[in-house]
N, C-alpha and C. Protein backbone atom coordinates (compact mmCIF):
# COMPACT_ATOMS: atom_id res chain seq x y z
N MET A 1 42.85 -103.78 -54.54
CA MET A 1 43.53 -105.05 -54.77
C MET A 1 43.19 -105.59 -56.16
N VAL A 2 44.09 -106.33 -56.67
CA VAL A 2 43.92 -106.92 -57.99
C VAL A 2 42.90 -108.06 -57.94
N ASP A 3 42.16 -108.18 -59.02
CA ASP A 3 41.19 -109.28 -59.16
C ASP A 3 41.71 -110.15 -60.31
N TYR A 4 42.39 -111.23 -59.97
CA TYR A 4 43.02 -112.09 -60.98
C TYR A 4 42.00 -112.69 -61.94
N GLU A 5 40.84 -113.02 -61.45
CA GLU A 5 39.80 -113.58 -62.33
C GLU A 5 39.33 -112.54 -63.35
N ALA A 6 39.25 -111.28 -62.94
CA ALA A 6 38.87 -110.22 -63.87
C ALA A 6 39.93 -110.06 -64.95
N ILE A 7 41.21 -110.15 -64.58
CA ILE A 7 42.28 -110.08 -65.57
C ILE A 7 42.15 -111.24 -66.55
N ARG A 8 41.88 -112.43 -66.05
CA ARG A 8 41.70 -113.59 -66.92
C ARG A 8 40.55 -113.36 -67.90
N GLN A 9 39.44 -112.86 -67.41
CA GLN A 9 38.27 -112.63 -68.27
C GLN A 9 38.57 -111.57 -69.34
N VAL A 10 39.27 -110.51 -68.95
CA VAL A 10 39.60 -109.46 -69.92
C VAL A 10 40.49 -110.00 -71.02
N PHE A 11 41.51 -110.76 -70.66
CA PHE A 11 42.41 -111.27 -71.70
C PHE A 11 41.75 -112.37 -72.54
N ARG A 12 40.80 -113.06 -72.00
CA ARG A 12 40.01 -114.00 -72.79
C ARG A 12 39.22 -113.23 -73.86
N GLN A 13 38.65 -112.09 -73.46
CA GLN A 13 37.91 -111.24 -74.40
C GLN A 13 38.84 -110.59 -75.41
N VAL A 14 40.03 -110.19 -74.97
CA VAL A 14 41.01 -109.61 -75.89
C VAL A 14 41.36 -110.62 -76.97
N LYS A 15 41.56 -111.88 -76.58
CA LYS A 15 41.89 -112.91 -77.58
C LYS A 15 40.75 -113.08 -78.57
N GLN A 16 39.52 -113.09 -78.10
CA GLN A 16 38.37 -113.24 -78.99
C GLN A 16 38.28 -112.06 -79.96
N ALA A 17 38.52 -110.86 -79.47
CA ALA A 17 38.36 -109.65 -80.29
C ALA A 17 39.53 -109.42 -81.24
N TYR A 18 40.74 -109.85 -80.85
CA TYR A 18 41.93 -109.50 -81.61
C TYR A 18 42.76 -110.70 -82.07
N ALA A 19 42.15 -111.85 -82.16
CA ALA A 19 42.85 -113.05 -82.61
C ALA A 19 43.51 -112.79 -83.96
N GLY A 20 44.76 -113.23 -84.08
CA GLY A 20 45.48 -113.06 -85.34
C GLY A 20 46.22 -111.75 -85.46
N LYS A 21 46.03 -110.85 -84.51
CA LYS A 21 46.72 -109.56 -84.54
C LYS A 21 47.80 -109.54 -83.46
N ARG A 22 48.72 -108.63 -83.56
CA ARG A 22 49.75 -108.48 -82.53
C ARG A 22 49.15 -107.73 -81.35
N ILE A 23 49.30 -108.26 -80.16
CA ILE A 23 48.70 -107.70 -78.97
C ILE A 23 49.80 -107.25 -78.01
N GLY A 24 49.77 -106.00 -77.59
CA GLY A 24 50.73 -105.47 -76.64
C GLY A 24 50.00 -105.02 -75.39
N TYR A 25 50.64 -105.12 -74.25
CA TYR A 25 50.01 -104.76 -72.99
C TYR A 25 51.07 -104.36 -71.96
N PRO A 26 50.71 -103.46 -71.03
CA PRO A 26 51.62 -103.09 -69.95
C PRO A 26 51.46 -104.07 -68.78
N ALA A 27 52.12 -103.79 -67.67
CA ALA A 27 52.03 -104.64 -66.48
C ALA A 27 50.71 -104.34 -65.75
N ILE A 28 49.62 -104.57 -66.44
CA ILE A 28 48.29 -104.27 -65.92
C ILE A 28 48.03 -105.06 -64.63
N GLY A 29 47.59 -104.34 -63.61
CA GLY A 29 47.28 -104.98 -62.33
C GLY A 29 48.46 -105.12 -61.39
N ALA A 30 49.67 -104.81 -61.85
CA ALA A 30 50.85 -105.01 -61.01
C ALA A 30 51.35 -103.71 -60.38
N GLY A 31 50.71 -102.59 -60.69
CA GLY A 31 51.14 -101.32 -60.14
C GLY A 31 50.30 -100.93 -58.94
N LEU A 32 49.36 -100.02 -59.17
CA LEU A 32 48.50 -99.53 -58.09
C LEU A 32 47.67 -100.63 -57.46
N ALA A 33 47.30 -101.64 -58.24
CA ALA A 33 46.49 -102.74 -57.71
C ALA A 33 47.31 -103.73 -56.89
N LYS A 34 48.64 -103.59 -56.95
CA LYS A 34 49.57 -104.41 -56.16
C LYS A 34 49.50 -105.91 -56.45
N GLY A 35 49.19 -106.25 -57.70
CA GLY A 35 49.15 -107.66 -58.06
C GLY A 35 50.54 -108.22 -58.28
N ASP A 36 50.65 -109.51 -58.23
CA ASP A 36 51.91 -110.22 -58.45
C ASP A 36 52.09 -110.43 -59.95
N TRP A 37 53.10 -109.76 -60.54
CA TRP A 37 53.28 -109.84 -61.99
C TRP A 37 53.54 -111.27 -62.47
N ALA A 38 54.17 -112.09 -61.67
CA ALA A 38 54.40 -113.49 -62.06
C ALA A 38 53.07 -114.21 -62.25
N VAL A 39 52.12 -113.96 -61.38
CA VAL A 39 50.78 -114.58 -61.49
C VAL A 39 50.05 -113.99 -62.69
N ILE A 40 50.09 -112.66 -62.82
CA ILE A 40 49.38 -111.99 -63.91
C ILE A 40 49.93 -112.42 -65.27
N SER A 41 51.25 -112.43 -65.41
CA SER A 41 51.84 -112.81 -66.70
C SER A 41 51.53 -114.26 -67.06
N ALA A 42 51.45 -115.13 -66.06
CA ALA A 42 51.07 -116.53 -66.33
C ALA A 42 49.63 -116.60 -66.84
N ILE A 43 48.74 -115.81 -66.25
CA ILE A 43 47.35 -115.77 -66.70
C ILE A 43 47.29 -115.28 -68.14
N ILE A 44 48.03 -114.20 -68.44
CA ILE A 44 48.04 -113.65 -69.80
C ILE A 44 48.56 -114.69 -70.78
N ASP A 45 49.66 -115.36 -70.44
CA ASP A 45 50.21 -116.39 -71.32
C ASP A 45 49.19 -117.50 -71.59
N GLU A 46 48.46 -117.90 -70.57
CA GLU A 46 47.43 -118.94 -70.74
C GLU A 46 46.31 -118.45 -71.65
N GLU A 47 45.82 -117.27 -71.38
CA GLU A 47 44.66 -116.75 -72.13
C GLU A 47 45.01 -116.34 -73.55
N LEU A 48 46.24 -115.93 -73.79
CA LEU A 48 46.65 -115.51 -75.14
C LEU A 48 47.49 -116.58 -75.85
N ALA A 49 47.41 -117.80 -75.38
CA ALA A 49 48.15 -118.90 -76.00
C ALA A 49 47.86 -118.96 -77.50
N GLY A 50 48.91 -119.07 -78.27
CA GLY A 50 48.77 -119.16 -79.72
C GLY A 50 48.69 -117.82 -80.41
N GLU A 51 48.65 -116.74 -79.66
CA GLU A 51 48.57 -115.39 -80.24
C GLU A 51 49.94 -114.73 -80.18
N ASN A 52 50.15 -113.76 -81.05
CA ASN A 52 51.37 -112.96 -81.07
C ASN A 52 51.18 -111.83 -80.06
N HIS A 53 51.72 -112.00 -78.85
CA HIS A 53 51.53 -110.98 -77.82
C HIS A 53 52.86 -110.64 -77.16
N VAL A 54 52.93 -109.39 -76.68
CA VAL A 54 54.18 -108.90 -76.11
C VAL A 54 53.90 -107.95 -74.95
N PHE A 55 54.71 -108.08 -73.91
CA PHE A 55 54.68 -107.16 -72.78
C PHE A 55 55.39 -105.88 -73.19
N VAL A 56 54.79 -104.74 -72.94
CA VAL A 56 55.37 -103.45 -73.28
C VAL A 56 55.70 -102.72 -71.99
N GLN A 57 56.99 -102.50 -71.74
CA GLN A 57 57.40 -101.83 -70.52
C GLN A 57 57.59 -100.35 -70.82
N TRP A 58 56.84 -99.54 -70.11
CA TRP A 58 56.91 -98.08 -70.30
C TRP A 58 58.07 -97.54 -69.48
N GLU A 59 58.83 -96.65 -70.10
CA GLU A 59 59.93 -95.99 -69.39
C GLU A 59 59.47 -94.61 -68.96
N LYS A 60 59.86 -94.25 -67.74
CA LYS A 60 59.47 -92.94 -67.22
C LYS A 60 60.49 -91.90 -67.63
């Protein structure tokens, strides 16, 4: 199962490490972990507020 707090902590660290750079990410936590992408994307938006970030959707 997905750990939403862990996702929040990771993206908080990503912002600290990569502030000012373009940040791309997949639907982390929404696949095998069965997380709710609406919840996860809201967490990412909160934690990366003010940063240039983009969701990257992989095509199979």
